[in-house]
C-alpha atoms as a PDB file:
ATOM      1  CA  MET A   1      -0.007  -0.092   0.112  1.00  0.00           C
ATOM      2  CA  ALA A   2       1.286   3.466  -1.059  1.00  0.00           C
ATOM      3  CA  THR A   3       1.920   5.723   1.773  1.00  0.00           C
ATOM      4  CA  ARG A   4       2.151   9.677   1.995  1.00  0.00           C
ATOM      5  CA  ALA A   5       4.760  11.836   4.080  1.00  0.00           C
ATOM      6  CA  GLY A   6       4.055  11.878   7.745  1.00  0.00           C
ATOM      7  CA  VAL A   7       1.537   8.580   7.273  1.00  0.00           C
ATOM      8  CA  HIS A   8       3.003   5.258   8.113  1.00  0.00           C
ATOM      9  CA  PRO A   9       1.130   1.773   8.042  1.00  0.00           C
ATOM     10  CA  VAL A  10       0.190   0.229  11.373  1.00  0.00           C
ATOM     11  CA  THR A  11       3.031  -1.270  12.962  1.00  0.00           C
ATOM     12  CA  PRO A  12       2.211  -5.030  12.270  1.00  0.00           C
ATOM     13  CA  ALA A  13       2.858  -7.877  14.371  1.00  0.00           C
ATOM     14  CA  ALA A  14       5.994  -9.458  15.199  1.00  0.00           C
ATOM     15  CA  PRO A  15       6.326 -13.169  14.548  1.00  0.00           C
ATOM     16  CA  GLY A  16       6.006 -15.486  17.259  1.00  0.00           C
ATOM     17  CA  GLY A  17       4.347 -12.654  19.550  1.00  0.00           C
ATOM     18  CA  GLY A  18       2.497 -12.990  22.479  1.00  0.00           C
ATOM     19  CA  ALA A  19      -1.281 -13.240  20.703  1.00  0.00           C
ATOM     20  CA  ASP A  20      -1.802 -16.799  22.111  1.00  0.00           C
ATOM     21  CA  ALA A  21       0.061 -16.378  25.208  1.00  0.00           C
ATOM     22  CA  GLY A  22      -2.484 -15.539  27.599  1.00  0.00           C
ATOM     23  CA  LYS A  23      -6.127 -16.742  28.190  1.00  0.00           C
ATOM     24  CA  GLN A  24      -7.427 -13.666  30.193  1.00  0.00           C
ATOM     25  CA  LEU A  25      -6.781  -9.817  30.451  1.00  0.00           C
ATOM     26  CA  ARG A  26      -7.912  -8.182  33.662  1.00  0.00           C
ATOM     27  CA  VAL A  27      -8.209  -4.684  33.180  1.00  0.00           C
ATOM     28  CA  SER A  28      -9.452  -1.687  35.989  1.00  0.00           C
ATOM     29  CA  LEU A  29     -10.223   1.210  34.437  1.00  0.00           C
ATOM     30  CA  LEU A  30      -9.233   4.389  36.549  1.00  0.00           C
ATOM     31  CA  GLN A  31     -11.629   7.201  35.881  1.00  0.00           C
ATOM     32  CA  THR A  32      -9.723  10.791  37.374  1.00  0.00           C
ATOM     33  CA  ALA A  33     -10.532  14.390  37.615  1.00  0.00           C
ATOM     34  CA  PRO A  34      -7.074  15.677  36.510  1.00  0.00           C
ATOM     35  CA  GLN A  35      -6.418  19.313  38.149  1.00  0.00           C
ATOM     36  CA  LEU A  36      -5.246  21.156  35.003  1.00  0.00           C
ATOM     37  CA  GLY A  37      -1.433  21.652  34.963  1.00  0.00           C
ATOM     38  CA  CYS A  38      -1.121  20.014  38.032  1.00  0.00           C
ATOM     39  CA  VAL A  39       1.229  17.014  36.961  1.00  0.00           C
ATOM     40  CA  GLU A  40       2.818  16.242  40.326  1.00  0.00           C
ATOM     41  CA  ARG A  41      -0.738  16.581  41.887  1.00  0.00           C
ATOM     42  CA  ASN A  42      -2.258  14.378  39.085  1.00  0.00           C
ATOM     43  CA  LEU A  43       0.715  11.610  39.483  1.00  0.00           C
ATOM     44  CA  ALA A  44       0.679  11.035  43.222  1.00  0.00           C
ATOM     45  CA  LYS A  45      -3.155  10.615  42.752  1.00  0.00           C
ATOM     46  CA  LEU A  46      -2.569   8.243  40.269  1.00  0.00           C
ATOM     47  CA  HIS A  47       0.000   5.967  42.031  1.00  0.00           C
ATOM     48  CA  ALA A  48      -2.722   6.157  44.995  1.00  0.00           C
ATOM     49  CA  GLU A  49      -4.953   4.558  42.550  1.00  0.00           C
ATOM     50  CA  LEU A  50      -2.250   1.845  41.392  1.00  0.00           C
ATOM     51  CA  ASP A  51      -1.694   1.155  44.884  1.00  0.00           C
ATOM     52  CA  GLN A  52      -4.828   0.005  45.471  1.00  0.00           C
ATOM     53  CA  LEU A  53      -5.067  -2.666  42.824  1.00  0.00           C
ATOM     54  CA  THR A  54      -4.747  -6.391  42.780  1.00  0.00           C
ATOM     55  CA  ASP A  55      -5.085  -8.904  40.177  1.00  0.00           C
ATOM     56  CA  THR A  56      -4.616  -6.595  37.650  1.00  0.00           C
ATOM     57  CA  ASP A  57      -2.800  -6.710  34.305  1.00  0.00           C
ATOM     58  CA  VAL A  58      -3.339  -3.537  32.990  1.00  0.00           C
ATOM     59  CA  ALA A  59      -4.783  -0.208  34.059  1.00  0.00           C
ATOM     60  CA  VAL A  60      -6.078   2.438  32.396  1.00  0.00           C
ATOM     61  CA  ALA A  61      -6.555   6.413  32.510  1.00  0.00           C
ATOM     62  CA  PRO A  62      -7.848   8.938  30.579  1.00  0.00           C
ATOM     63  CA  GLU A  63      -6.548  11.050  28.290  1.00  0.00           C
ATOM     64  CA  LEU A  64      -3.791  13.827  29.038  1.00  0.00           C
ATOM     65  CA  ALA A  65      -4.752  12.262  32.443  1.00  0.00           C
ATOM     66  CA  LEU A  66      -1.440  14.035  33.924  1.00  0.00           C
ATOM     67  CA  HIS A  67      -2.382  17.664  32.960  1.00  0.00           C
ATOM     68  CA  GLY A  68      -5.493  18.225  32.066  1.00  0.00           C
ATOM     69  CA  TYR A  69      -7.377  19.347  28.789  1.00  0.00           C
ATOM     70  CA  PHE A  70      -7.563  22.947  28.478  1.00  0.00           C
ATOM     71  CA  LEU A  71      -3.889  23.991  28.221  1.00  0.00           C
ATOM     72  CA  GLY A  72      -4.967  27.470  26.769  1.00  0.00           C
ATOM     73  CA  ALA A  73      -5.714  28.410  30.638  1.00  0.00           C
ATOM     74  CA  LEU A  74      -2.200  27.902  31.617  1.00  0.00           C
ATOM     75  CA  ASP A  75       0.879  30.449  31.064  1.00  0.00           C
ATOM     76  CA  GLU A  76       3.087  27.192  31.098  1.00  0.00           C
ATOM     77  CA  VAL A  77       2.776  23.486  30.349  1.00  0.00           C
ATOM     78  CA  ASP A  78       5.369  20.705  32.340  1.00  0.00           C
ATOM     79  CA  ALA A  79       5.098  18.531  29.324  1.00  0.00           C
ATOM     80  CA  LEU A  80       7.130  15.117  29.738  1.00  0.00           C
ATOM     81  CA  ALA A  81       9.593  13.297  27.537  1.00  0.00           C
ATOM     82  CA  ALA A  82       8.764   9.622  26.449  1.00  0.00           C
ATOM     83  CA  ASP A  83      11.791   8.369  28.825  1.00  0.00           C
ATOM     84  CA  ASP A  84      10.835  10.786  31.841  1.00  0.00           C
ATOM     85  CA  GLN A  85      11.594   8.855  34.969  1.00  0.00           C
ATOM     86  CA  ARG A  86       7.830  10.098  36.106  1.00  0.00           C
ATOM     87  CA  LEU A  87       6.265   8.043  33.207  1.00  0.00           C
ATOM     88  CA  ALA A  88       8.603   4.883  34.158  1.00  0.00           C
ATOM     89  CA  GLY A  89       7.565   5.171  37.843  1.00  0.00           C
ATOM     90  CA  LEU A  90       4.037   4.365  36.933  1.00  0.00           C
ATOM     91  CA  GLY A  91       4.895   0.736  35.920  1.00  0.00           C
ATOM     92  CA  GLN A  92       6.170  -0.104  39.740  1.00  0.00           C
ATOM     93  CA  HIS A  93       3.137  -0.957  41.014  1.00  0.00           C
ATOM     94  CA  GLY A  94       2.533  -4.334  39.146  1.00  0.00           C
ATOM     95  CA  PRO A  95      -0.075  -3.759  36.037  1.00  0.00           C
ATOM     96  CA  ALA A  96       1.048  -2.239  32.938  1.00  0.00           C
ATOM     97  CA  VAL A  97      -0.406   1.326  32.715  1.00  0.00           C
ATOM     98  CA  ILE A  98      -2.132   3.510  30.232  1.00  0.00           C
ATOM     99  CA  ALA A  99      -2.195   7.149  30.624  1.00  0.00           C
ATOM    100  CA  GLY A 100      -2.451  10.436  28.828  1.00  0.00           C
ATOM    101  CA  PHE A 101      -0.024  13.265  28.907  1.00  0.00           C
ATOM    102  CA  VAL A 102       1.748  15.890  27.359  1.00  0.00           C
ATOM    103  CA  GLU A 103       4.445  14.621  25.349  1.00  0.00           C
ATOM    104  CA  HIS A 104       7.543  16.526  24.591  1.00  0.00           C
ATOM    105  CA  ARG A 105      10.191  16.069  21.960  1.00  0.00           C
ATOM    106  CA  ARG A 106      12.542  18.787  20.483  1.00  0.00           C
ATOM    107  CA  SER A 107      10.356  21.806  19.502  1.00  0.00           C
ATOM    108  CA  ASP A 108       6.867  20.107  19.448  1.00  0.00           C
ATOM    109  CA  GLN A 109       4.372  19.110  21.834  1.00  0.00           C
ATOM    110  CA  TYR A 110       2.009  15.933  21.124  1.00  0.00           C
ATOM    111  CA  ASN A 111      -1.165  14.337  22.902  1.00  0.00           C
ATOM    112  CA  SER A 112       0.071  11.285  23.659  1.00  0.00           C
ATOM    113  CA  ALA A 113      -0.863   8.581  25.449  1.00  0.00           C
ATOM    114  CA  ALA A 114       2.309   6.252  27.576  1.00  0.00           C
ATOM    115  CA  VAL A 115       1.860   2.286  27.971  1.00  0.00           C
ATOM    116  CA  ILE A 116       3.951   1.577  30.665  1.00  0.00           C
ATOM    117  CA  ASP A 117       4.882  -2.383  30.665  1.00  0.00           C
ATOM    118  CA  ARG A 118       7.570  -3.155  33.251  1.00  0.00           C
ATOM    119  CA  ASP A 119      10.591  -1.790  32.197  1.00  0.00           C
ATOM    120  CA  ARG A 120       9.046  -0.740  28.711  1.00  0.00           C
ATOM    121  CA  VAL A 121       6.810   2.471  27.606  1.00  0.00           C
ATOM    122  CA  THR A 122       5.555   2.396  24.344  1.00  0.00           C
ATOM    123  CA  VAL A 123       3.989   6.059  23.285  1.00  0.00           C
ATOM    124  CA  GLN A 124       0.842   6.537  21.110  1.00  0.00           C
ATOM    125  CA  ARG A 125       0.543   9.952  19.441  1.00  0.00           C
ATOM    126  CA  LYS A 126      -3.271  11.194  18.953  1.00  0.00           C
ATOM    127  CA  LEU A 127      -3.553  11.420  14.772  1.00  0.00           C
ATOM    128  CA  PHE A 128      -6.631  13.376  14.508  1.00  0.00           C
ATOM    129  CA  LEU A 129      -6.566  16.564  16.643  1.00  0.00           C
ATOM    130  CA  PRO A 130     -10.214  18.720  16.791  1.00  0.00           C
ATOM    131  CA  THR A 131      -9.640  22.373  16.143  1.00  0.00           C
ATOM    132  CA  TYR A 132     -13.058  23.726  15.874  1.00  0.00           C
ATOM    133  CA  ARG A 133     -16.145  25.041  18.095  1.00  0.00           C
ATOM    134  CA  GLY A 134     -14.676  24.772  21.624  1.00  0.00           C
ATOM    135  CA  TRP A 135     -11.375  22.276  20.717  1.00  0.00           C
ATOM    136  CA  GLU A 136      -8.293  23.994  19.656  1.00  0.00           C
ATOM    137  CA  GLU A 137      -5.418  21.183  20.086  1.00  0.00           C
ATOM    138  CA  ARG A 138      -3.451  22.127  16.625  1.00  0.00           C
ATOM    139  CA  LYS A 139      -2.860  25.154  18.702  1.00  0.00           C
ATOM    140  CA  HIS A 140      -1.066  22.973  21.595  1.00  0.00           C
ATOM    141  CA  PHE A 141      -0.079  19.672  19.804  1.00  0.00           C
ATOM    142  CA  ARG A 142       1.400  18.463  16.600  1.00  0.00           C
ATOM    143  CA  PRO A 143      -0.360  15.493  15.193  1.00  0.00           C
ATOM    144  CA  GLY A 144       0.987  11.923  15.666  1.00  0.00           C
ATOM    145  CA  GLY A 145       1.732  10.048  12.369  1.00  0.00           C
ATOM    146  CA  ARG A 146       1.630   6.291  12.769  1.00  0.00           C
ATOM    147  CA  LEU A 147      -1.102   4.093  14.990  1.00  0.00           C
ATOM    148  CA  GLN A 148       0.526   1.180  16.663  1.00  0.00           C
ATOM    149  CA  SER A 149      -0.812  -2.351  17.797  1.00  0.00           C
ATOM    150  CA  PHE A 150       1.728  -4.293  20.506  1.00  0.00           C
ATOM    151  CA  ASP A 151       1.451  -6.671  22.644  1.00  0.00           C
ATOM    152  CA  LEU A 152       0.489  -6.460  26.396  1.00  0.00           C
ATOM    153  CA  ARG A 153       0.231  -8.916  28.745  1.00  0.00           C
ATOM    154  CA  GLY A 154      -0.772 -11.912  26.504  1.00  0.00           C
ATOM    155  CA  ALA A 155      -3.192  -9.799  24.388  1.00  0.00           C
ATOM    156  CA  ARG A 156      -2.698  -7.679  21.070  1.00  0.00           C
ATOM    157  CA  ALA A 157      -3.514  -4.059  21.858  1.00  0.00           C
ATOM    158  CA  ALA A 158      -3.732  -0.598  20.315  1.00  0.00           C
ATOM    159  CA  VAL A 159      -4.332   2.726  22.503  1.00  0.00           C
ATOM    160  CA  LEU A 160      -6.592   5.377  20.221  1.00  0.00           C
ATOM    161  CA  ILE A 161      -7.238   8.515  21.511  1.00  0.00           C
ATOM    162  CA  CYS A 162     -10.545  10.165  22.031  1.00  0.00           C
ATOM    163  CA  ASN A 163     -11.162  11.955  18.157  1.00  0.00           C
ATOM    164  CA  ASP A 164      -9.056   9.014  16.670  1.00  0.00           C
ATOM    165  CA  ILE A 165     -11.726   6.574  16.941  1.00  0.00           C
ATOM    166  CA  TRP A 166     -14.191   8.843  14.958  1.00  0.00           C
ATOM    167  CA  GLN A 167     -12.230   7.820  12.110  1.00  0.00           C
ATOM    168  CA  PRO A 168     -13.790   4.584  10.887  1.00  0.00           C
ATOM    169  CA  PRO A 169     -10.082   3.337   9.453  1.00  0.00           C
ATOM    170  CA  LEU A 170      -8.152   3.801  12.498  1.00  0.00           C
ATOM    171  CA  PRO A 171      -9.771   1.135  14.692  1.00  0.00           C
ATOM    172  CA  TRP A 172     -10.050  -1.260  11.469  1.00  0.00           C
ATOM    173  CA  LEU A 173      -6.361  -0.547  10.837  1.00  0.00           C
ATOM    174  CA  ALA A 174      -5.348  -1.459  14.213  1.00  0.00           C
ATOM    175  CA  VAL A 175      -7.696  -4.927  14.259  1.00  0.00           C
ATOM    176  CA  HIS A 176      -6.400  -5.956  11.043  1.00  0.00           C
ATOM    177  CA  SER A 177      -2.903  -5.182  12.708  1.00  0.00           C
ATOM    178  CA  GLY A 178      -3.951  -8.111  15.048  1.00  0.00           C
ATOM    179  CA  ALA A 179      -5.376  -5.917  18.236  1.00  0.00           C
ATOM    180  CA  GLU A 180      -7.602  -7.608  20.151  1.00  0.00           C
ATOM    181  CA  VAL A 181      -8.594  -5.249  22.697  1.00  0.00           C
ATOM    182  CA  LEU A 182      -9.247  -1.417  21.542  1.00  0.00           C
ATOM    183  CA  PHE A 183      -8.339   0.681  24.532  1.00  0.00           C
ATOM    184  CA  VAL A 184      -9.922   4.302  23.988  1.00  0.00           C
ATOM    185  CA  ILE A 185      -8.780   7.144  26.430  1.00  0.00           C
ATOM    186  CA  ALA A 186     -11.126  10.452  26.070  1.00  0.00           C
ATOM    187  CA  ASN A 187     -11.538  14.025  27.252  1.00  0.00           C
ATOM    188  CA  SER A 188     -15.360  13.724  26.517  1.00  0.00           C
ATOM    189  CA  VAL A 189     -17.565  16.866  27.459  1.00  0.00           C
ATOM    190  CA  ARG A 190     -21.057  17.162  27.911  1.00  0.00           C
ATOM    191  CA  SER A 191     -22.945  18.994  24.551  1.00  0.00           C
ATOM    192  CA  HIS A 192     -26.010  20.863  24.304  1.00  0.00           C
ATOM    193  CA  SER A 193     -25.607  20.750  20.448  1.00  0.00           C
ATOM    194  CA  VAL A 194     -27.825  18.825  18.022  1.00  0.00           C
ATOM    195  CA  VAL A 195     -25.121  15.673  18.334  1.00  0.00           C
ATOM    196  CA  GLN A 196     -26.151  14.015  21.952  1.00  0.00           C
ATOM    197  CA  VAL A 197     -22.224  13.094  22.406  1.00  0.00           C
ATOM    198  CA  GLU A 198     -23.070  10.573  25.022  1.00  0.00           C
ATOM    199  CA  ARG A 199     -25.385   8.816  22.567  1.00  0.00           C
ATOM    200  CA  ALA A 200     -23.006   9.092  20.005  1.00  0.00           C
ATOM    201  CA  TRP A 201     -20.393   7.520  22.036  1.00  0.00           C
ATOM    202  CA  GLU A 202     -22.304   4.527  22.913  1.00  0.00           C
ATOM    203  CA  LEU A 203     -23.099   3.634  19.395  1.00  0.00           C
ATOM    204  CA  LEU A 204     -19.551   4.428  18.332  1.00  0.00           C
ATOM    205  CA  LEU A 205     -18.277   2.012  20.913  1.00  0.00           C
ATOM    206  CA  ALA A 206     -20.480  -0.485  20.243  1.00  0.00           C
ATOM    207  CA  HIS A 207     -20.105  -0.351  16.402  1.00  0.00           C
ATOM    208  CA  SER A 208     -15.878  -1.248  17.302  1.00  0.00           C
ATOM    209  CA  ALA A 209     -16.972  -4.007  19.131  1.00  0.00           C
ATOM    210  CA  VAL A 210     -19.413  -5.770  17.251  1.00  0.00           C
ATOM    211  CA  VAL A 211     -18.012  -4.889  13.712  1.00  0.00           C
ATOM    212  CA  LEU A 212     -14.281  -5.562  14.732  1.00  0.00           C
ATOM    213  CA  GLN A 213     -15.039  -8.708  17.077  1.00  0.00           C
ATOM    214  CA  SER A 214     -13.185  -6.913  19.862  1.00  0.00           C
ATOM    215  CA  TYR A 215     -12.741  -6.135  23.317  1.00  0.00           C
ATOM    216  CA  VAL A 216     -13.123  -1.929  23.690  1.00  0.00           C
ATOM    217  CA  VAL A 217     -11.989  -0.472  26.928  1.00  0.00           C
ATOM    218  CA  PHE A 218     -13.148   3.080  27.128  1.00  0.00           C
ATOM    219  CA  VAL A 219     -12.079   5.795  29.711  1.00  0.00           C
ATOM    220  CA  ASN A 220     -13.131   8.954  29.955  1.00  0.00           C
ATOM    221  CA  ARG A 221     -12.602  11.214  32.576  1.00  0.00           C
ATOM    222  CA  SER A 222     -14.645  13.009  35.193  1.00  0.00           C
ATOM    223  CA  GLY A 223     -14.835  16.668  36.990  1.00  0.00           C
ATOM    224  CA  THR A 224     -15.090  20.201  35.482  1.00  0.00           C
ATOM    225  CA  GLU A 225     -12.334  22.483  34.050  1.00  0.00           C
ATOM    226  CA  CYS A 226     -12.454  25.954  32.579  1.00  0.00           C
ATOM    227  CA  GLY A 227     -16.454  25.695  32.674  1.00  0.00           C
ATOM    228  CA  GLN A 228     -16.598  22.136  31.038  1.00  0.00           C
ATOM    229  CA  GLU A 229     -18.266  19.294  32.675  1.00  0.00           C
ATOM    230  CA  PHE A 230     -16.694  15.575  31.561  1.00  0.00           C
ATOM    231  CA  TRP A 231     -19.435  13.274  31.810  1.00  0.00           C
ATOM    232  CA  GLY A 232     -17.102   9.868  32.424  1.00  0.00           C
ATOM    233  CA  GLY A 233     -19.217   6.866  31.566  1.00  0.00           C
ATOM    234  CA  SER A 234     -16.354   4.532  31.071  1.00  0.00           C
ATOM    235  CA  ARG A 235     -16.689   1.188  30.271  1.00  0.00           C
ATOM    236  CA  VAL A 236     -15.808  -2.275  29.027  1.00  0.00           C
ATOM    237  CA  LEU A 237     -17.883  -3.657  25.995  1.00  0.00           C
ATOM    238  CA  GLY A 238     -17.374  -7.176  25.130  1.00  0.00           C
ATOM    239  CA  PRO A 239     -17.278  -8.382  20.882  1.00  0.00           C
ATOM    240  CA  ASP A 240     -21.414  -8.627  21.214  1.00  0.00           C
ATOM    241  CA  GLY A 241     -21.449  -5.198  22.167  1.00  0.00           C
ATOM    242  CA  ALA A 242     -22.758  -6.043  25.389  1.00  0.00           C
ATOM    243  CA  GLU A 243     -20.971  -3.760  28.580  1.00  0.00           C
ATOM    244  CA  ILE A 244     -19.439  -5.997  31.221  1.00  0.00           C
ATOM    245  CA  ALA A 245     -18.565  -2.825  33.770  1.00  0.00           C
ATOM    246  CA  ARG A 246     -19.635   0.950  33.485  1.00  0.00           C
ATOM    247  CA  LEU A 247     -18.885   3.614  35.820  1.00  0.00           C
ATOM    248  CA  GLY A 248     -21.012   6.875  36.262  1.00  0.00           C
ATOM    249  CA  THR A 249     -20.402  10.442  36.156  1.00  0.00           C
ATOM    250  CA  GLU A 250     -17.664  10.546  39.307  1.00  0.00           C
ATOM    251  CA  PRO A 251     -14.464   9.801  39.394  1.00  0.00           C
ATOM    252  CA  GLY A 252     -14.250   5.990  40.838  1.00  0.00           C
ATOM    253  CA  ARG A 253     -12.809   2.869  39.424  1.00  0.00           C
ATOM    254  CA  THR A 254     -14.211  -0.550  38.350  1.00  0.00           C
ATOM    255  CA  GLU A 255     -12.697  -3.889  36.669  1.00  0.00           C
ATOM    256  CA  ALA A 256     -13.145  -6.388  34.097  1.00  0.00           C
ATOM    257  CA  THR A 257     -11.943  -9.784  33.294  1.00  0.00           C
ATOM    258  CA  LEU A 258     -11.492  -9.919  29.297  1.00  0.00           C
ATOM    259  CA  ASP A 259     -11.715 -13.755  27.857  1.00  0.00           C
ATOM    260  CA  LEU A 260      -8.858 -13.922  25.314  1.00  0.00           C
ATOM    261  CA  THR A 261      -9.338 -17.423  24.543  1.00  0.00           C
ATOM    262  CA  GLU A 262     -13.471 -16.779  23.680  1.00  0.00           C
ATOM    263  CA  LEU A 263     -12.526 -13.720  21.493  1.00  0.00           C
ATOM    264  CA  ARG A 264     -10.101 -16.017  19.349  1.00  0.00           C
ATOM    265  CA  ALA A 265     -12.739 -18.937  19.418  1.00  0.00           C
ATOM    266  CA  LEU A 266     -15.241 -16.335  17.897  1.00  0.00           C
ATOM    267  CA  ARG A 267     -12.920 -14.858  15.153  1.00  0.00           C
ATOM    268  CA  ARG A 268     -12.291 -18.402  14.051  1.00  0.00           C
ATOM    269  CA  ARG A 269     -16.388 -19.378  14.019  1.00  0.00           C
ATOM    270  CA  TRP A 270     -17.341 -16.266  12.451  1.00  0.00           C
ATOM    271  CA  PRO A 271     -14.251 -15.041  10.054  1.00  0.00           C
ATOM    272  CA  LEU A 272     -15.607 -11.689   9.356  1.00  0.00           C
ATOM    273  CA  LEU A 273     -11.880 -10.120   9.525  1.00  0.00           C
ATOM    274  CA  ARG A 274     -10.992 -12.378   6.985  1.00  0.00           C
ATOM    275  CA  GLU A 275     -13.156 -10.679   4.426  1.00  0.00           C
ATOM    276  CA  ALA A 276     -11.692  -7.375   4.760  1.00  0.00           C
ATOM    277  CA  ARG A 277     -10.406  -7.489   1.188  1.00  0.00           C
ATOM    278  CA  LEU A 278      -7.201  -5.585   1.788  1.00  0.00           C
ATOM    279  CA  ASP A 279      -6.797  -5.571  -2.148  1.00  0.00           C
ATOM    280  CA  VAL A 280      -9.745  -3.493  -2.757  1.00  0.00           C
ATOM    281  CA  ILE A 281      -8.909  -1.329  -0.102  1.00  0.00           C
ATOM    282  CA  SER A 282      -5.524  -0.680  -1.128  1.00  0.00           C
ATOM    283  CA  ARG A 283      -6.496   0.171  -4.777  1.00  0.00           C
ATOM    284  CA  ALA A 284      -9.556   2.194  -3.861  1.00  0.00           C
ATOM    285  CA  LEU A 285      -6.857   4.522  -1.502  1.00  0.00           C
ATOM    286  CA  GLU A 286      -4.164   4.613  -4.302  1.00  0.00           C
ATOM    287  CA  THR A 287      -7.018   6.152  -6.766  1.00  0.00           C
ATOM    288  CA  LEU A 288      -8.004   8.302  -3.811  1.00  0.00           C
ATOM    289  CA  MET A 289      -4.673   9.756  -3.093  1.00  0.00           C
ATOM    290  CA  GLN A 290      -3.739  10.120  -7.160  1.00  0.00           C
ATOM    291  CA  GLU A 291      -6.762  12.142  -7.210  1.00  0.00           C
ATOM    292  CA  GLU A 292      -5.670  14.246  -4.522  1.00  0.00           C
ATOM    293  CA  ASP A 293      -2.397  14.982  -6.166  1.00  0.00           C
END
């Protein structure tokens, strides 16, 4: 498949990777209410949450969990490099940790998710930055250029940051790179527009779970910031679209166990993903890209 400058294909599964190594994945959803610009305080609260976990493989915090969202209200942002020991320190509690943060690299900032698994930190950068209505992410961030899938505690996984899952090709690409679990971290606020945002998210997450035969772990933040109310609603959906666990609007924590053995059996019984016809899609994309040029 042809690629354009700054856009890379999804990282493929490594030969002999861990896709069949585990049968269950135990996840904890940490629905937090970060304080804008208070990195050390947000880290301390996250450490306190992680200290309480038992029998968890992966703990998931929201988008920008370490920094808060409305960066335009700050005079200065304490952005973190991917190798900052404050990030690595989140992995000392036992579970792998997924948490959103402002990443600093050279002269750029990214809206990123750190996946901290023992002594390894993988960074996924947000690809599609909303800059309309009340959103101004392009003012603060450079868009990422690569969607990754990776082995995580016996599962194949991918992280999609808020608006990225609203772009249908991205979860599709992640799953066709082997992802079994889609971790979706968000900063979604209540909306009084024509689009009922909470209902839209409900449909979007269920569609991704069913059509892509995947577990979907969605973690949104709570609280208010700069007059905007974040509605929480973090949840886990199975490949049938049913909710396995769900939180309300307040900060909190919930757990779920993902049955990877059953998921893999489902994909064998109903091989929908094998019908993708990548050749057809590749030709169509090449045609569209040529028309743009």
